[in-house]
């Protein structure tokens, strides 16, 4: 029995297509073992598949993913500002977005995506506070992981 336990801990086991489990060279009978999927702690999510097997997803948010998420939040906020301004979906716009250095860096990395998705003919990234006194700018909108930005749209 000790040899079987040692073999199972070292990964020296297999299950064939008929469900026969062999561990350390010993065939085990049903009821003498359980097979479980154990996922180590850390960022991730698992799900069992109905036909057997499982899916393991890495849910760690990298800086690149965070920047893309912020950019997509900005796009959503710009589209909302367009609707609030009564613009048509097809209207081309000039766009100024003011935010922190971190927010501006994320927007700069995804500048083309933001411009294309919002139909912006020009995109200016301004320092936080630069649009505070601009009556045409939106109230601060939170994007990404709590970054406030202000948006000004011109036709």
N, C-alpha and C. Protein backbone atom coordinates (compact mmCIF):
# COMPACT_ATOMS: atom_id res chain seq x y z
N UNK A 1 0.82 -1.20 0.00
CA UNK A 1 0.00 0.00 0.00
C UNK A 1 0.87 1.26 0.00
N UNK A 2 1.98 1.27 0.73
CA UNK A 2 2.86 2.44 0.78
C UNK A 2 3.41 2.76 -0.60
N UNK A 3 3.72 1.73 -1.39
CA UNK A 3 4.25 1.94 -2.74
C UNK A 3 3.20 2.62 -3.62
N UNK A 4 1.94 2.25 -3.46
CA UNK A 4 0.86 2.85 -4.24
C UNK A 4 0.67 4.32 -3.85
N UNK A 5 0.70 4.61 -2.56
CA UNK A 5 0.55 5.98 -2.09
C UNK A 5 1.70 6.84 -2.62
N UNK A 6 2.92 6.33 -2.52
CA UNK A 6 4.09 7.06 -3.00
C UNK A 6 3.99 7.29 -4.51
N UNK A 7 3.56 6.28 -5.26
CA UNK A 7 3.42 6.42 -6.71
C UNK A 7 2.35 7.45 -7.06
N UNK A 8 1.23 7.46 -6.32
CA UNK A 8 0.17 8.43 -6.62
C UNK A 8 0.63 9.85 -6.39
N UNK A 9 1.40 10.07 -5.33
CA UNK A 9 1.88 11.42 -5.02
C UNK A 9 2.91 11.91 -6.04
N UNK A 10 3.64 10.97 -6.63
CA UNK A 10 4.66 11.37 -7.62
C UNK A 10 4.08 11.46 -9.02
N UNK A 11 2.80 11.11 -9.18
CA UNK A 11 2.16 11.20 -10.49
C UNK A 11 2.31 9.94 -11.32
N UNK A 12 2.80 8.85 -10.72
CA UNK A 12 3.00 7.59 -11.41
C UNK A 12 1.70 6.79 -11.41
N UNK A 13 0.71 7.27 -12.15
CA UNK A 13 -0.56 6.57 -12.25
C UNK A 13 -1.16 6.87 -13.62
N UNK A 14 -2.09 6.04 -14.03
CA UNK A 14 -2.78 6.25 -15.31
C UNK A 14 -4.16 5.62 -15.24
N UNK A 15 -5.03 6.10 -16.10
CA UNK A 15 -6.37 5.53 -16.26
C UNK A 15 -6.55 5.26 -17.74
N UNK A 16 -6.89 4.02 -18.09
CA UNK A 16 -7.04 3.69 -19.51
C UNK A 16 -8.45 4.02 -19.98
N UNK A 17 -8.72 3.74 -21.26
CA UNK A 17 -10.01 4.09 -21.86
C UNK A 17 -11.18 3.32 -21.26
N UNK A 18 -10.90 2.21 -20.60
CA UNK A 18 -11.96 1.43 -19.94
C UNK A 18 -12.18 1.86 -18.50
N UNK A 19 -11.36 2.82 -18.02
CA UNK A 19 -11.50 3.31 -16.65
C UNK A 19 -10.68 2.54 -15.64
N UNK A 20 -9.81 1.63 -16.12
CA UNK A 20 -8.96 0.88 -15.21
C UNK A 20 -7.80 1.77 -14.77
N UNK A 21 -7.63 1.93 -13.45
CA UNK A 21 -6.59 2.80 -12.90
C UNK A 21 -5.43 1.93 -12.43
N UNK A 22 -4.24 2.32 -12.89
CA UNK A 22 -3.01 1.64 -12.48
C UNK A 22 -2.14 2.66 -11.78
N UNK A 23 -1.59 2.28 -10.63
CA UNK A 23 -0.78 3.21 -9.84
C UNK A 23 0.47 2.46 -9.37
N UNK A 24 1.63 2.93 -9.82
CA UNK A 24 2.88 2.29 -9.42
C UNK A 24 2.95 0.84 -9.85
N UNK A 25 2.32 0.52 -10.98
CA UNK A 25 2.31 -0.84 -11.48
C UNK A 25 1.23 -1.71 -10.89
N UNK A 26 0.42 -1.21 -9.99
CA UNK A 26 -0.66 -1.97 -9.34
C UNK A 26 -2.01 -1.52 -9.89
N UNK A 27 -2.83 -2.49 -10.31
CA UNK A 27 -4.18 -2.19 -10.77
C UNK A 27 -5.06 -1.98 -9.54
N UNK A 28 -5.76 -0.84 -9.53
CA UNK A 28 -6.63 -0.52 -8.39
C UNK A 28 -8.08 -0.85 -8.74
N UNK A 29 -8.80 -1.27 -7.74
CA UNK A 29 -10.22 -1.60 -7.89
C UNK A 29 -11.06 -0.35 -7.63
N UNK A 30 -12.23 -0.26 -8.27
CA UNK A 30 -13.12 0.87 -7.96
C UNK A 30 -13.38 0.91 -6.45
N UNK A 31 -13.39 2.10 -5.89
CA UNK A 31 -13.56 2.26 -4.45
C UNK A 31 -12.24 2.37 -3.71
N UNK A 32 -11.14 1.99 -4.37
CA UNK A 32 -9.82 2.10 -3.74
C UNK A 32 -9.15 3.44 -4.06
N UNK A 33 -9.80 4.25 -4.88
CA UNK A 33 -9.19 5.51 -5.30
C UNK A 33 -10.29 6.52 -5.63
N UNK A 34 -9.90 7.76 -5.65
CA UNK A 34 -10.73 8.84 -6.21
C UNK A 34 -9.81 9.68 -7.08
N UNK A 35 -10.33 10.18 -8.15
CA UNK A 35 -9.55 11.06 -9.02
C UNK A 35 -10.18 12.44 -8.91
N UNK A 36 -9.39 13.41 -8.53
CA UNK A 36 -9.85 14.78 -8.37
C UNK A 36 -8.94 15.71 -9.13
N UNK A 37 -9.50 16.82 -9.59
CA UNK A 37 -8.71 17.88 -10.19
C UNK A 37 -8.53 18.95 -9.14
N UNK A 38 -7.30 19.26 -8.80
CA UNK A 38 -6.99 20.28 -7.81
C UNK A 38 -6.17 21.36 -8.49
N UNK A 39 -6.62 22.60 -8.38
CA UNK A 39 -5.93 23.73 -8.98
C UNK A 39 -5.21 24.48 -7.89
N UNK A 40 -3.94 24.77 -8.13
CA UNK A 40 -3.15 25.52 -7.15
C UNK A 40 -3.75 26.91 -6.96
N UNK A 41 -3.52 27.49 -5.80
CA UNK A 41 -3.99 28.85 -5.54
C UNK A 41 -3.35 29.82 -6.52
N UNK A 42 -4.02 30.89 -6.78
CA UNK A 42 -3.50 31.91 -7.67
C UNK A 42 -4.59 32.36 -8.61
N UNK A 43 -4.25 33.28 -9.51
CA UNK A 43 -5.27 33.77 -10.43
C UNK A 43 -5.66 32.67 -11.40
N UNK A 44 -6.92 32.36 -11.45
CA UNK A 44 -7.39 31.36 -12.38
C UNK A 44 -8.81 30.97 -12.06
N UNK A 45 -9.41 30.30 -13.01
CA UNK A 45 -10.77 29.80 -12.84
C UNK A 45 -10.84 28.47 -13.55
N UNK A 46 -11.61 27.54 -12.99
CA UNK A 46 -11.76 26.23 -13.61
C UNK A 46 -13.23 25.92 -13.81
N UNK A 47 -13.47 25.05 -14.77
CA UNK A 47 -14.82 24.56 -15.01
C UNK A 47 -14.72 23.15 -15.57
N UNK A 48 -15.55 22.25 -15.07
CA UNK A 48 -15.59 20.89 -15.58
C UNK A 48 -16.42 20.85 -16.84
N UNK A 49 -16.01 20.05 -17.80
CA UNK A 49 -16.75 19.88 -19.04
C UNK A 49 -17.67 18.67 -18.92
N UNK A 50 -18.86 18.73 -19.51
CA UNK A 50 -19.81 17.62 -19.37
C UNK A 50 -19.26 16.28 -19.86
N UNK A 51 -18.45 16.28 -20.91
CA UNK A 51 -17.93 15.04 -21.47
C UNK A 51 -16.64 14.59 -20.83
N UNK A 52 -16.24 15.21 -19.75
CA UNK A 52 -14.97 14.90 -19.11
C UNK A 52 -13.96 15.98 -19.43
N UNK A 53 -12.96 16.06 -18.64
CA UNK A 53 -11.93 17.09 -18.82
C UNK A 53 -12.33 18.37 -18.10
N UNK A 54 -11.52 19.38 -18.28
CA UNK A 54 -11.79 20.65 -17.62
C UNK A 54 -11.10 21.77 -18.38
N UNK A 55 -11.50 22.97 -18.05
CA UNK A 55 -10.92 24.18 -18.62
C UNK A 55 -10.28 24.96 -17.48
N UNK A 56 -9.08 25.43 -17.69
CA UNK A 56 -8.39 26.27 -16.72
C UNK A 56 -8.09 27.60 -17.40
N UNK A 57 -8.62 28.68 -16.85
CA UNK A 57 -8.40 30.02 -17.40
C UNK A 57 -7.47 30.81 -16.50
N UNK A 58 -6.51 31.46 -17.09
CA UNK A 58 -5.63 32.36 -16.35
C UNK A 58 -6.35 33.70 -16.28
N UNK A 59 -6.72 34.13 -15.09
CA UNK A 59 -7.48 35.38 -14.94
C UNK A 59 -6.62 36.53 -14.45
N UNK A 60 -5.32 36.38 -14.53
CA UNK A 60 -4.43 37.47 -14.12
C UNK A 60 -4.55 38.63 -15.10
N UNK A 61 -4.73 39.82 -14.58
CA UNK A 61 -4.83 41.01 -15.41
C UNK A 61 -3.44 41.62 -15.54
N UNK A 62 -2.88 41.53 -16.74
CA UNK A 62 -1.56 42.09 -17.00
C UNK A 62 -1.70 43.60 -17.24
N UNK A 63 -0.61 44.34 -17.18
CA UNK A 63 -0.70 45.77 -17.49
C UNK A 63 -1.26 46.04 -18.90
N UNK A 64 -0.92 45.17 -19.84
CA UNK A 64 -1.43 45.34 -21.21
C UNK A 64 -2.94 45.17 -21.26
N UNK A 65 -3.45 44.15 -20.55
CA UNK A 65 -4.90 43.93 -20.52
C UNK A 65 -5.61 45.06 -19.79
N UNK A 66 -5.01 45.57 -18.73
CA UNK A 66 -5.60 46.69 -17.99
C UNK A 66 -5.69 47.93 -18.89
N UNK A 67 -4.64 48.18 -19.68
CA UNK A 67 -4.64 49.32 -20.59
C UNK A 67 -5.72 49.17 -21.65
N UNK A 68 -5.88 47.97 -22.18
CA UNK A 68 -6.92 47.75 -23.18
C UNK A 68 -8.31 47.91 -22.56
N UNK A 69 -8.48 47.42 -21.34
CA UNK A 69 -9.76 47.58 -20.65
C UNK A 69 -10.10 49.04 -20.44
N UNK A 70 -9.09 49.84 -20.05
CA UNK A 70 -9.31 51.28 -19.86
C UNK A 70 -9.71 51.91 -21.19
N UNK A 71 -9.02 51.55 -22.27
CA UNK A 71 -9.35 52.11 -23.58
C UNK A 71 -10.78 51.77 -23.98
N UNK A 72 -11.20 50.55 -23.72
CA UNK A 72 -12.56 50.14 -24.08
C UNK A 72 -13.59 50.86 -23.20
N UNK A 73 -13.24 51.13 -21.94
CA UNK A 73 -14.12 51.94 -21.09
C UNK A 73 -14.23 53.36 -21.63
N UNK A 74 -13.12 53.90 -22.11
CA UNK A 74 -13.12 55.24 -22.71
C UNK A 74 -14.03 55.26 -23.93
N UNK A 75 -13.94 54.24 -24.77
CA UNK A 75 -14.80 54.16 -25.95
C UNK A 75 -16.27 54.18 -25.54
N UNK A 76 -16.62 53.38 -24.53
CA UNK A 76 -17.98 53.36 -24.03
C UNK A 76 -18.42 54.74 -23.55
N UNK A 77 -17.53 55.42 -22.82
CA UNK A 77 -17.85 56.75 -22.29
C UNK A 77 -18.01 57.78 -23.42
N UNK A 78 -17.17 57.68 -24.44
CA UNK A 78 -17.28 58.60 -25.58
C UNK A 78 -18.60 58.35 -26.31
N UNK A 79 -18.95 57.08 -26.51
CA UNK A 79 -20.21 56.78 -27.20
C UNK A 79 -21.41 57.32 -26.41
N UNK A 80 -21.33 57.23 -25.08
CA UNK A 80 -22.41 57.79 -24.25
C UNK A 80 -22.45 59.32 -24.39
N UNK A 81 -21.28 59.95 -24.42
CA UNK A 81 -21.23 61.40 -24.59
C UNK A 81 -21.78 61.80 -25.96
N UNK A 82 -21.51 60.99 -26.98
CA UNK A 82 -22.07 61.26 -28.32
C UNK A 82 -23.60 61.24 -28.27
N UNK A 83 -24.16 60.20 -27.62
CA UNK A 83 -25.62 60.11 -27.52
C UNK A 83 -26.18 61.30 -26.77
N UNK A 84 -25.53 61.66 -25.67
CA UNK A 84 -26.00 62.79 -24.85
C UNK A 84 -25.95 64.10 -25.62
N UNK A 85 -25.01 64.21 -26.55
CA UNK A 85 -24.87 65.43 -27.36
C UNK A 85 -25.81 65.42 -28.56
N UNK A 86 -26.56 64.34 -28.75
CA UNK A 86 -27.51 64.26 -29.85
C UNK A 86 -26.86 64.00 -31.19
N UNK A 87 -25.66 63.48 -31.20
CA UNK A 87 -24.97 63.19 -32.47
C UNK A 87 -25.47 61.89 -33.07
N UNK A 88 -25.40 61.80 -34.38
CA UNK A 88 -25.76 60.58 -35.09
C UNK A 88 -24.60 59.59 -34.97
N UNK A 89 -24.92 58.33 -35.11
CA UNK A 89 -23.92 57.26 -35.00
C UNK A 89 -22.82 57.45 -36.04
N UNK A 90 -23.17 57.99 -37.20
CA UNK A 90 -22.20 58.12 -38.29
C UNK A 90 -21.42 59.44 -38.27
N UNK A 91 -21.75 60.36 -37.36
CA UNK A 91 -21.07 61.66 -37.31
C UNK A 91 -19.59 61.49 -36.94
N UNK A 92 -18.76 62.16 -37.70
CA UNK A 92 -17.32 62.22 -37.37
C UNK A 92 -17.15 63.29 -36.30
N UNK A 93 -16.18 63.05 -35.39
CA UNK A 93 -16.01 63.98 -34.27
C UNK A 93 -14.54 64.31 -34.06
N UNK A 94 -14.33 65.44 -33.42
CA UNK A 94 -13.04 65.76 -32.83
C UNK A 94 -13.13 65.37 -31.37
N UNK A 95 -12.05 64.83 -30.82
CA UNK A 95 -12.13 64.26 -29.49
C UNK A 95 -10.94 64.71 -28.65
N UNK A 96 -11.24 65.23 -27.46
CA UNK A 96 -10.21 65.55 -26.47
C UNK A 96 -10.57 64.81 -25.20
N UNK A 97 -9.58 64.11 -24.64
CA UNK A 97 -9.81 63.37 -23.40
C UNK A 97 -8.71 63.77 -22.42
N UNK A 98 -9.11 64.23 -21.24
CA UNK A 98 -8.15 64.62 -20.21
C UNK A 98 -8.14 63.56 -19.11
N UNK A 99 -6.94 63.21 -18.67
CA UNK A 99 -6.81 62.22 -17.61
C UNK A 99 -5.42 62.21 -17.01
N UNK A 100 -5.23 61.34 -16.06
CA UNK A 100 -3.95 61.21 -15.37
C UNK A 100 -2.88 60.69 -16.34
N UNK A 101 -1.61 60.78 -15.95
CA UNK A 101 -0.56 60.22 -16.81
C UNK A 101 -0.78 58.73 -17.11
N UNK A 102 -1.24 57.97 -16.14
CA UNK A 102 -1.48 56.54 -16.37
C UNK A 102 -2.61 56.33 -17.37
N UNK A 103 -3.67 57.09 -17.23
CA UNK A 103 -4.79 56.98 -18.17
C UNK A 103 -4.37 57.40 -19.57
N UNK A 104 -3.61 58.49 -19.66
CA UNK A 104 -3.15 58.95 -20.98
C UNK A 104 -2.23 57.92 -21.63
N UNK A 105 -1.39 57.26 -20.84
CA UNK A 105 -0.48 56.23 -21.39
C UNK A 105 -1.30 55.07 -21.96
N UNK A 106 -2.32 54.65 -21.25
CA UNK A 106 -3.18 53.55 -21.73
C UNK A 106 -3.92 53.97 -23.00
N UNK A 107 -4.42 55.20 -23.02
CA UNK A 107 -5.13 55.68 -24.21
C UNK A 107 -4.18 55.84 -25.39
N UNK A 108 -2.96 56.29 -25.13
CA UNK A 108 -1.97 56.44 -26.19
C UNK A 108 -1.65 55.07 -26.81
N UNK A 109 -1.54 54.04 -25.97
CA UNK A 109 -1.25 52.69 -26.46
C UNK A 109 -2.38 52.16 -27.35
N UNK A 110 -3.59 52.64 -27.13
CA UNK A 110 -4.75 52.18 -27.90
C UNK A 110 -5.42 53.32 -28.65
N UNK A 111 -4.62 54.29 -29.04
CA UNK A 111 -5.10 55.50 -29.72
C UNK A 111 -5.89 55.16 -30.99
N UNK A 112 -5.35 54.26 -31.81
CA UNK A 112 -6.01 53.92 -33.07
C UNK A 112 -7.36 53.24 -32.83
N UNK A 113 -7.42 52.36 -31.85
CA UNK A 113 -8.67 51.69 -31.51
C UNK A 113 -9.72 52.70 -31.07
N UNK A 114 -9.34 53.62 -30.19
CA UNK A 114 -10.28 54.64 -29.70
C UNK A 114 -10.78 55.50 -30.85
N UNK A 115 -9.86 55.96 -31.70
CA UNK A 115 -10.25 56.81 -32.84
C UNK A 115 -11.17 56.08 -33.81
N UNK A 116 -10.83 54.83 -34.13
CA UNK A 116 -11.63 54.07 -35.08
C UNK A 116 -13.03 53.77 -34.54
N UNK A 117 -13.12 53.36 -33.30
CA UNK A 117 -14.41 52.96 -32.72
C UNK A 117 -15.33 54.15 -32.48
N UNK A 118 -14.76 55.34 -32.29
CA UNK A 118 -15.59 56.52 -31.99
C UNK A 118 -15.75 57.44 -33.20
N UNK A 119 -15.15 57.07 -34.33
CA UNK A 119 -15.15 57.89 -35.55
C UNK A 119 -14.53 59.26 -35.32
N UNK A 120 -13.47 59.28 -34.52
CA UNK A 120 -12.77 60.54 -34.23
C UNK A 120 -11.80 60.86 -35.36
N UNK A 121 -11.92 62.05 -35.89
CA UNK A 121 -10.98 62.49 -36.93
C UNK A 121 -9.70 63.02 -36.31
N UNK A 122 -9.76 63.36 -35.04
CA UNK A 122 -8.60 63.79 -34.30
C UNK A 122 -8.78 63.43 -32.84
N UNK A 123 -7.69 63.01 -32.20
CA UNK A 123 -7.75 62.64 -30.78
C UNK A 123 -6.62 63.35 -30.05
N UNK A 124 -7.00 64.24 -29.13
CA UNK A 124 -6.01 64.94 -28.30
C UNK A 124 -6.11 64.38 -26.88
N UNK A 125 -4.96 64.02 -26.33
CA UNK A 125 -4.90 63.54 -24.95
C UNK A 125 -4.36 64.67 -24.09
N UNK A 126 -5.15 65.13 -23.15
CA UNK A 126 -4.80 66.29 -22.34
C UNK A 126 -4.53 65.87 -20.89
N UNK A 127 -3.82 66.74 -20.19
CA UNK A 127 -3.53 66.48 -18.78
C UNK A 127 -4.79 66.61 -17.94
N UNK A 128 -4.82 65.85 -16.85
CA UNK A 128 -5.95 65.93 -15.91
C UNK A 128 -6.12 67.37 -15.48
N UNK A 129 -7.36 67.81 -15.42
CA UNK A 129 -7.66 69.18 -15.01
C UNK A 129 -7.75 70.15 -16.16
N UNK A 130 -7.21 69.80 -17.31
CA UNK A 130 -7.19 70.73 -18.44
C UNK A 130 -8.60 71.06 -18.95
N UNK A 131 -9.54 70.15 -18.80
CA UNK A 131 -10.91 70.40 -19.27
C UNK A 131 -11.87 70.78 -18.15
N UNK A 132 -11.34 71.01 -16.95
CA UNK A 132 -12.21 71.27 -15.80
C UNK A 132 -13.11 72.49 -15.98
N UNK A 133 -12.62 73.52 -16.65
CA UNK A 133 -13.41 74.75 -16.83
C UNK A 133 -14.10 74.80 -18.18
N UNK A 134 -14.05 73.72 -18.94
CA UNK A 134 -14.63 73.69 -20.29
C UNK A 134 -16.10 73.24 -20.18
N UNK A 135 -17.05 74.13 -20.50
CA UNK A 135 -18.46 73.76 -20.38
C UNK A 135 -18.88 72.67 -21.38
N UNK A 136 -18.09 72.47 -22.43
CA UNK A 136 -18.42 71.45 -23.42
C UNK A 136 -17.94 70.07 -23.00
N UNK A 137 -17.15 70.00 -21.93
CA UNK A 137 -16.61 68.71 -21.48
C UNK A 137 -17.62 68.00 -20.59
N UNK A 138 -17.53 66.69 -20.57
CA UNK A 138 -18.40 65.90 -19.70
C UNK A 138 -17.95 66.05 -18.26
N UNK A 139 -18.81 65.65 -17.36
CA UNK A 139 -18.41 65.51 -15.96
C UNK A 139 -17.38 64.37 -15.93
N UNK A 140 -16.56 64.30 -14.88
CA UNK A 140 -15.59 63.20 -14.82
C UNK A 140 -16.29 61.84 -14.91
N UNK A 141 -15.70 60.97 -15.71
CA UNK A 141 -16.18 59.61 -15.91
C UNK A 141 -15.07 58.68 -15.43
N UNK A 142 -15.42 57.66 -14.67
CA UNK A 142 -14.42 56.72 -14.17
C UNK A 142 -14.25 55.59 -15.18
N UNK A 143 -13.00 55.34 -15.57
CA UNK A 143 -12.68 54.27 -16.52
C UNK A 143 -11.57 53.41 -15.93
N UNK A 144 -11.40 52.24 -16.51
CA UNK A 144 -10.34 51.35 -16.04
C UNK A 144 -10.54 51.00 -14.58
N UNK A 145 -9.45 51.06 -13.85
CA UNK A 145 -9.49 50.71 -12.43
C UNK A 145 -9.57 51.97 -11.58
N UNK A 146 -10.60 52.80 -11.85
CA UNK A 146 -10.83 53.98 -11.04
C UNK A 146 -10.18 55.26 -11.53
N UNK A 147 -9.86 55.34 -12.81
CA UNK A 147 -9.23 56.54 -13.38
C UNK A 147 -10.29 57.52 -13.86
N UNK A 148 -10.33 58.75 -13.31
CA UNK A 148 -11.29 59.73 -13.82
C UNK A 148 -10.77 60.40 -15.10
N UNK A 149 -11.65 60.53 -16.08
CA UNK A 149 -11.32 61.26 -17.31
C UNK A 149 -12.47 62.20 -17.63
N UNK A 150 -12.16 63.24 -18.39
CA UNK A 150 -13.19 64.15 -18.91
C UNK A 150 -13.08 64.14 -20.41
N UNK A 151 -14.21 64.24 -21.07
CA UNK A 151 -14.28 64.09 -22.53
C UNK A 151 -14.93 65.33 -23.14
N UNK A 152 -14.30 65.82 -24.23
CA UNK A 152 -14.91 66.92 -24.99
C UNK A 152 -15.03 66.45 -26.43
N UNK A 153 -16.24 66.56 -26.97
CA UNK A 153 -16.51 66.16 -28.35
C UNK A 153 -16.86 67.40 -29.14
N UNK A 154 -16.29 67.50 -30.34
CA UNK A 154 -16.66 68.57 -31.27
C UNK A 154 -17.04 67.92 -32.60
N UNK A 155 -17.97 68.56 -33.27
CA UNK A 155 -18.39 68.06 -34.59
C UNK A 155 -17.38 68.39 -35.64
